[in-house]
Amino acid sequence: MQPQASRGLTIGAIEVTPLWDGPLPSSLEKIPDPLHRAEAETLIARAGADALTMNVYGFLLRLGDRLALIDTGAGRLMSPALGKLAGALNAQGVAPQQIETIFITHVHRDHFGGLVDDAGAAAFPNAELVLHEKEASFWLDTALEDMPARARRYRDSTRQVLSLYADRIRRVKDNEGLPGISAHLAPGHTPGHTCWLVQSGDRAVLAWGDLIHIAHIHLPSPHIAMEYDLDPIVALQSRLRVLDWVASDRIPVAGAHLPAPGIGTIIRSGNGYAYQPG
C-alpha cells in the first residue's frame, strides 16, 4: 500500500519532501550469519512480516527558487512495483526539467535508476549530478577485475546510465556540495556511500541513504550485517558512528528505506535505537 503523501519537513529556508518510489521486499536470507539471522527473525516476528518490505524514497529539496533531489528511486531498472518517484514529483507540481541538482547517496539501482526515462534518455535534462569523489571513482574509474564480485555485474549498466550525464557530473570531497548541503562519507555499503547534511539557520536534516536497510532489524540491532553491504565491517562502523551522531545531536533523518513517511528522528532505545516518524 502506498504511504500517505507527506508535506515534508521545513529546515530553516529549505523544505525537504519525501518522494515514495515504491516497495522493495527483502528476506532474512540476505543475512549471511545464522545467529544474526535468528536474532533478526525474532525482531521481525515482533514487528510483523511487512517489516521485511522496505520503502524506497528519494527526497525533493526546495531551496528558495532552486529545486534539487537526493536520489531518484529505481525508475524501470528493478521491479515493476518501483518507479513511482516521477509521479510523486509531478504530484508536487514539479517537472523533471525544473530539477537543477541531484545529490546521489550511492550508485545502486534503487537510488539512481530514475535518472533514465522510459525512452532511455536522461530523465532530468537540466540537472547536475553531485557524487562523492570516492563513489564516482569506484563506479567510473575502477577496472572490472578490481571490483568485488557483487559490484562487477552492475558496472556496465551503471556506467551506461551515468553516461547520459557525463558532462554534468561533479565529484566532491567531504563537506562539499552546495551552500547548505554537504557530503559526509559513510562508507561500507559502497566505498563512497554518502550522507547529505542539509542545513539552514540552526536546523539540519541528514539524508543517510542506505545507512540502514530494514529499520526493525538495524535500529535495535545495528550489528546485524546483510549481503547488501560490500564491506560489512566498514558499514557497521559507519552505521554506529552516524546513529550516535544523529541521536546525540537530535538531527532528523531522511532515510531511503525508512518506514513512512521516510523522515523522522532516531532515539536511543535499550542497547540500540528506535525510529520516531515525522
Protein backbone atom coordinates (compact mmCIF):
# COMPACT_ATOMS: atom_id res chain seq x y z
CA MET A 1 0.00 0.00 0.00
CA GLN A 2 1.30 3.43 -0.93
CA PRO A 3 2.17 5.55 2.13
CA GLN A 4 0.18 8.71 2.59
CA ALA A 5 1.91 11.65 0.92
CA SER A 6 3.98 13.78 3.28
CA ARG A 7 4.11 17.56 3.28
CA GLY A 8 7.76 17.35 4.15
CA LEU A 9 9.99 18.90 6.75
CA THR A 10 11.00 22.55 6.80
CA ILE A 11 14.62 23.17 7.75
CA GLY A 12 15.01 26.93 8.02
CA ALA A 13 14.61 28.17 4.44
CA ILE A 14 14.75 24.64 2.94
CA GLU A 15 11.83 22.26 2.52
CA VAL A 16 12.54 18.52 2.31
CA THR A 17 9.75 16.36 0.89
CA PRO A 18 9.81 12.53 0.68
CA LEU A 19 9.00 11.07 -2.74
CA TRP A 20 7.88 7.44 -2.50
CA ASP A 21 9.22 5.27 -5.31
CA GLY A 22 7.56 2.02 -4.25
CA PRO A 23 8.08 -1.11 -2.11
CA LEU A 24 11.19 -3.28 -2.15
CA PRO A 25 10.78 -6.72 -0.49
CA SER A 26 13.71 -8.21 1.36
CA SER A 27 14.36 -11.53 3.09
CA LEU A 28 16.05 -12.88 6.16
CA GLU A 29 18.10 -15.00 3.75
CA LYS A 30 20.01 -11.79 2.97
CA ILE A 31 21.64 -12.14 6.41
CA PRO A 32 24.67 -14.44 6.00
CA ASP A 33 25.35 -15.18 9.67
CA PRO A 34 22.92 -17.86 11.00
CA LEU A 35 22.99 -16.48 14.55
CA HIS A 36 22.25 -12.96 13.34
CA ARG A 37 19.51 -14.36 11.09
CA ALA A 38 17.86 -15.99 14.09
CA GLU A 39 18.09 -12.73 16.03
CA ALA A 40 16.55 -10.83 13.12
CA GLU A 41 13.78 -13.42 12.81
CA THR A 42 12.76 -12.68 16.40
CA LEU A 43 12.72 -8.94 15.72
CA ILE A 44 10.60 -9.36 12.58
CA ALA A 45 8.19 -11.68 14.39
CA ARG A 46 7.52 -8.86 16.85
CA ALA A 47 7.16 -6.22 14.14
CA GLY A 48 5.14 -8.24 11.61
CA ALA A 49 6.06 -9.78 8.27
CA ASP A 50 5.51 -6.47 6.45
CA ALA A 51 8.59 -5.16 8.23
CA LEU A 52 10.70 -7.05 5.69
CA THR A 53 9.39 -4.83 2.88
CA MET A 54 11.43 -1.67 2.59
CA ASN A 55 10.15 1.62 1.24
CA VAL A 56 12.23 3.32 -1.42
CA TYR A 57 12.36 7.10 -1.11
CA GLY A 58 14.01 9.98 -2.87
CA PHE A 59 13.75 13.49 -1.48
CA LEU A 60 12.79 16.78 -3.09
CA LEU A 61 14.63 19.87 -1.85
CA ARG A 62 13.13 23.31 -2.30
CA LEU A 63 16.00 25.76 -1.91
CA GLY A 64 14.27 29.08 -2.46
CA ASP A 65 13.76 29.22 -6.22
CA ARG A 66 16.08 26.25 -6.80
CA LEU A 67 14.88 22.62 -6.92
CA ALA A 68 17.06 19.61 -6.18
CA LEU A 69 16.74 15.91 -5.44
CA ILE A 70 18.53 13.49 -3.18
CA ASP A 71 18.44 10.19 -5.09
CA THR A 72 15.96 9.34 -7.83
CA GLY A 73 14.47 5.96 -6.98
CA ALA A 74 14.75 2.87 -9.17
CA GLY A 75 12.98 4.03 -12.30
CA ARG A 76 12.46 0.96 -14.51
CA LEU A 77 15.74 -0.75 -13.61
CA MET A 78 14.20 -3.03 -10.98
CA SER A 79 10.73 -4.40 -10.24
CA PRO A 80 7.51 -3.07 -11.81
CA ALA A 81 6.36 -2.11 -8.31
CA LEU A 82 9.05 0.57 -8.24
CA GLY A 83 9.48 3.65 -10.41
CA LYS A 84 6.82 5.81 -8.80
CA LEU A 85 9.08 8.74 -7.96
CA ALA A 86 8.33 10.57 -11.21
CA GLY A 87 4.62 10.54 -10.37
CA ALA A 88 5.33 11.68 -6.82
CA LEU A 89 7.40 14.55 -8.19
CA ASN A 90 4.58 15.52 -10.55
CA ALA A 91 2.16 15.47 -7.61
CA GLN A 92 4.36 18.15 -6.02
CA GLY A 93 3.88 20.32 -9.10
CA VAL A 94 7.48 19.83 -10.24
CA ALA A 95 8.54 18.85 -13.75
CA PRO A 96 11.82 16.94 -14.28
CA GLN A 97 13.16 19.86 -16.33
CA GLN A 98 13.00 22.06 -13.22
CA ILE A 99 15.45 19.95 -11.23
CA GLU A 100 18.85 21.64 -11.26
CA THR A 101 20.86 19.39 -8.94
CA ILE A 102 20.69 15.72 -7.95
CA PHE A 103 22.70 14.56 -4.94
CA ILE A 104 23.39 10.82 -5.11
CA THR A 105 23.95 8.96 -1.84
CA HIS A 106 25.43 5.99 -3.70
CA VAL A 107 25.26 4.33 -7.07
CA HIS A 108 22.82 1.44 -6.56
CA ARG A 109 19.88 0.92 -8.89
CA ASP A 110 17.17 1.86 -6.37
CA HIS A 111 18.90 5.22 -5.89
CA PHE A 112 19.97 6.21 -9.40
CA GLY A 113 17.64 4.24 -11.71
CA GLY A 114 15.26 7.17 -12.01
CA LEU A 115 17.96 9.10 -13.86
CA VAL A 116 16.89 7.39 -17.10
CA ASP A 117 13.39 7.66 -18.61
CA ASP A 118 11.37 5.00 -20.44
CA ALA A 119 12.95 6.02 -23.76
CA GLY A 120 16.48 5.55 -22.43
CA ALA A 121 17.22 9.27 -22.26
CA ALA A 122 18.20 11.46 -19.32
CA ALA A 123 15.07 11.91 -17.20
CA PHE A 124 16.40 15.19 -15.75
CA PRO A 125 17.83 17.04 -18.78
CA ASN A 126 18.94 20.13 -16.88
CA ALA A 127 20.31 18.54 -13.72
CA GLU A 128 23.88 18.32 -12.50
CA LEU A 129 24.76 15.09 -10.66
CA VAL A 130 26.74 15.51 -7.46
CA LEU A 131 28.60 12.47 -6.12
CA HIS A 132 31.30 11.96 -3.55
CA GLU A 133 34.60 11.53 -5.37
CA LYS A 134 35.12 8.08 -3.83
CA GLU A 135 31.78 6.80 -5.13
CA ALA A 136 32.31 8.27 -8.59
CA SER A 137 35.80 6.82 -8.80
CA PHE A 138 34.65 3.35 -7.73
CA TRP A 139 31.98 3.06 -10.41
CA LEU A 140 33.54 5.10 -13.21
CA ASP A 141 37.29 4.58 -12.87
CA THR A 142 37.84 1.15 -11.31
CA ALA A 143 38.90 -1.74 -13.54
CA LEU A 144 36.41 -4.61 -13.55
CA GLU A 145 38.89 -7.09 -12.05
CA ASP A 146 39.49 -4.74 -9.11
CA MET A 147 35.81 -4.60 -8.12
CA PRO A 148 34.12 -7.01 -5.69
CA ALA A 149 32.16 -9.72 -7.49
CA ARG A 150 28.85 -8.34 -6.27
CA ALA A 151 29.56 -4.98 -7.92
CA ARG A 152 31.03 -6.29 -11.18
CA ARG A 153 27.71 -7.43 -12.63
CA TYR A 154 26.29 -3.91 -12.36
CA ARG A 155 29.28 -1.90 -13.55
CA ASP A 156 28.46 -1.69 -17.25
CA SER A 157 24.75 -0.88 -16.80
CA THR A 158 25.66 1.69 -14.18
CA ARG A 159 28.14 3.40 -16.48
CA GLN A 160 25.59 3.41 -19.26
CA VAL A 161 23.09 5.38 -17.15
CA LEU A 162 25.71 7.77 -15.79
CA SER A 163 27.00 8.40 -19.31
CA LEU A 164 23.74 10.24 -20.00
CA TYR A 165 25.02 12.90 -17.60
CA ALA A 166 28.72 12.59 -18.48
CA ASP A 167 29.27 16.34 -18.91
CA ARG A 168 27.17 17.15 -15.84
CA ILE A 169 28.77 15.03 -13.11
CA ARG A 170 30.51 16.90 -10.31
CA ARG A 171 32.74 15.00 -7.89
CA VAL A 172 33.01 16.44 -4.39
CA LYS A 173 35.00 15.82 -1.24
CA ASP A 174 33.69 15.66 2.31
CA ASN A 175 31.89 18.85 3.39
CA GLU A 176 31.44 19.97 -0.22
CA GLY A 177 28.23 20.24 -2.25
CA LEU A 178 26.15 23.41 -2.36
CA PRO A 179 25.65 26.13 0.24
CA GLY A 180 23.65 24.41 2.97
CA ILE A 181 24.12 20.88 1.58
CA SER A 182 27.31 18.98 2.30
CA ALA A 183 28.67 15.48 1.73
CA HIS A 184 29.59 13.26 4.69
CA LEU A 185 31.25 9.99 3.72
CA ALA A 186 29.77 6.90 5.42
CA PRO A 187 31.43 4.02 3.53
CA GLY A 188 30.90 0.29 3.69
CA HIS A 189 27.62 -0.17 1.88
CA THR A 190 29.62 1.08 -1.09
CA PRO A 191 33.11 2.65 -0.98
CA GLY A 192 31.73 6.15 -1.42
CA HIS A 193 28.35 5.83 0.27
CA THR A 194 27.45 9.38 1.30
CA CYS A 195 25.11 11.05 3.77
CA TRP A 196 23.99 14.53 2.72
CA LEU A 197 23.61 17.07 5.53
CA VAL A 198 21.01 19.73 4.74
CA GLN A 199 21.39 22.82 6.94
CA SER A 200 19.61 26.16 7.13
CA GLY A 201 19.93 28.51 10.07
CA ASP A 202 20.33 26.46 13.22
CA ARG A 203 18.44 23.43 11.88
CA ALA A 204 19.52 20.38 9.90
CA VAL A 205 18.37 17.05 8.48
CA LEU A 206 20.62 14.20 7.40
CA ALA A 207 19.71 12.21 4.28
CA TRP A 208 21.52 8.98 5.07
CA GLY A 209 20.90 6.78 2.04
CA ASP A 210 21.38 3.11 2.97
CA LEU A 211 22.97 3.57 6.36
CA ILE A 212 20.39 1.00 7.44
CA HIS A 213 18.27 -1.33 5.34
CA ILE A 214 15.45 -2.74 7.49
CA ALA A 215 14.59 -0.41 10.36
CA HIS A 216 13.06 -3.12 12.56
CA ILE A 217 16.36 -5.01 12.40
CA HIS A 218 19.14 -2.46 12.10
CA LEU A 219 17.96 0.09 14.62
CA PRO A 220 17.56 -2.27 17.60
CA SER A 221 20.48 -4.45 16.40
CA PRO A 222 22.87 -2.37 14.26
CA HIS A 223 25.49 -5.13 14.31
CA ILE A 224 23.45 -7.41 12.02
CA ALA A 225 25.06 -7.49 8.58
CA MET A 226 23.21 -8.07 5.32
CA GLU A 227 24.69 -9.03 1.98
CA TYR A 228 23.77 -5.63 0.56
CA ASP A 229 26.93 -4.10 2.09
CA LEU A 230 30.13 -4.51 0.05
CA ASP A 231 32.23 -4.19 3.22
CA PRO A 232 30.12 -5.22 6.23
CA ILE A 233 32.77 -4.30 8.82
CA VAL A 234 33.23 -0.77 7.50
CA ALA A 235 29.46 -0.44 7.02
CA LEU A 236 28.93 -1.29 10.70
CA GLN A 237 31.50 1.31 11.74
CA SER A 238 29.68 3.93 9.67
CA ARG A 239 26.28 2.84 10.97
CA LEU A 240 27.30 3.09 14.61
CA ARG A 241 29.04 6.44 14.12
CA VAL A 242 26.12 8.09 12.31
CA LEU A 243 23.45 6.63 14.60
CA ASP A 244 25.31 8.01 17.60
CA TRP A 245 25.68 11.38 15.85
CA VAL A 246 22.03 11.89 14.92
CA ALA A 247 20.73 10.57 18.25
CA SER A 248 23.13 12.67 20.31
CA ASP A 249 22.63 15.88 18.31
CA ARG A 250 18.90 15.27 17.70
CA ILE A 251 19.28 15.66 13.94
CA PRO A 252 16.23 14.46 11.97
CA VAL A 253 16.99 11.90 9.29
CA ALA A 254 15.66 11.24 5.80
CA GLY A 255 16.17 7.56 5.06
CA ALA A 256 15.81 5.88 1.69
CA HIS A 257 14.36 2.73 3.30
CA LEU A 258 12.76 4.02 6.50
CA PRO A 259 9.11 3.29 7.28
CA ALA A 260 6.66 6.00 6.21
CA PRO A 261 6.98 8.90 5.92
CA GLY A 262 10.72 8.39 5.37
CA ILE A 263 11.64 11.29 7.66
CA GLY A 264 11.84 11.16 11.43
CA THR A 265 14.10 11.18 14.45
CA ILE A 266 16.34 8.49 15.91
CA ILE A 267 16.34 7.93 19.65
CA ARG A 268 18.28 5.58 21.88
CA SER A 269 16.31 2.53 22.97
CA GLY A 270 17.87 -0.12 25.20
CA ASN A 271 21.16 -1.17 23.64
CA GLY A 272 20.10 0.11 20.23
CA TYR A 273 17.95 2.76 18.62
CA ALA A 274 14.36 3.40 17.53
CA TYR A 275 12.68 5.49 14.84
CA GLN A 276 10.07 8.15 15.57
CA PRO A 277 8.31 9.00 12.27
CA GLY A 278 7.54 12.53 11.18
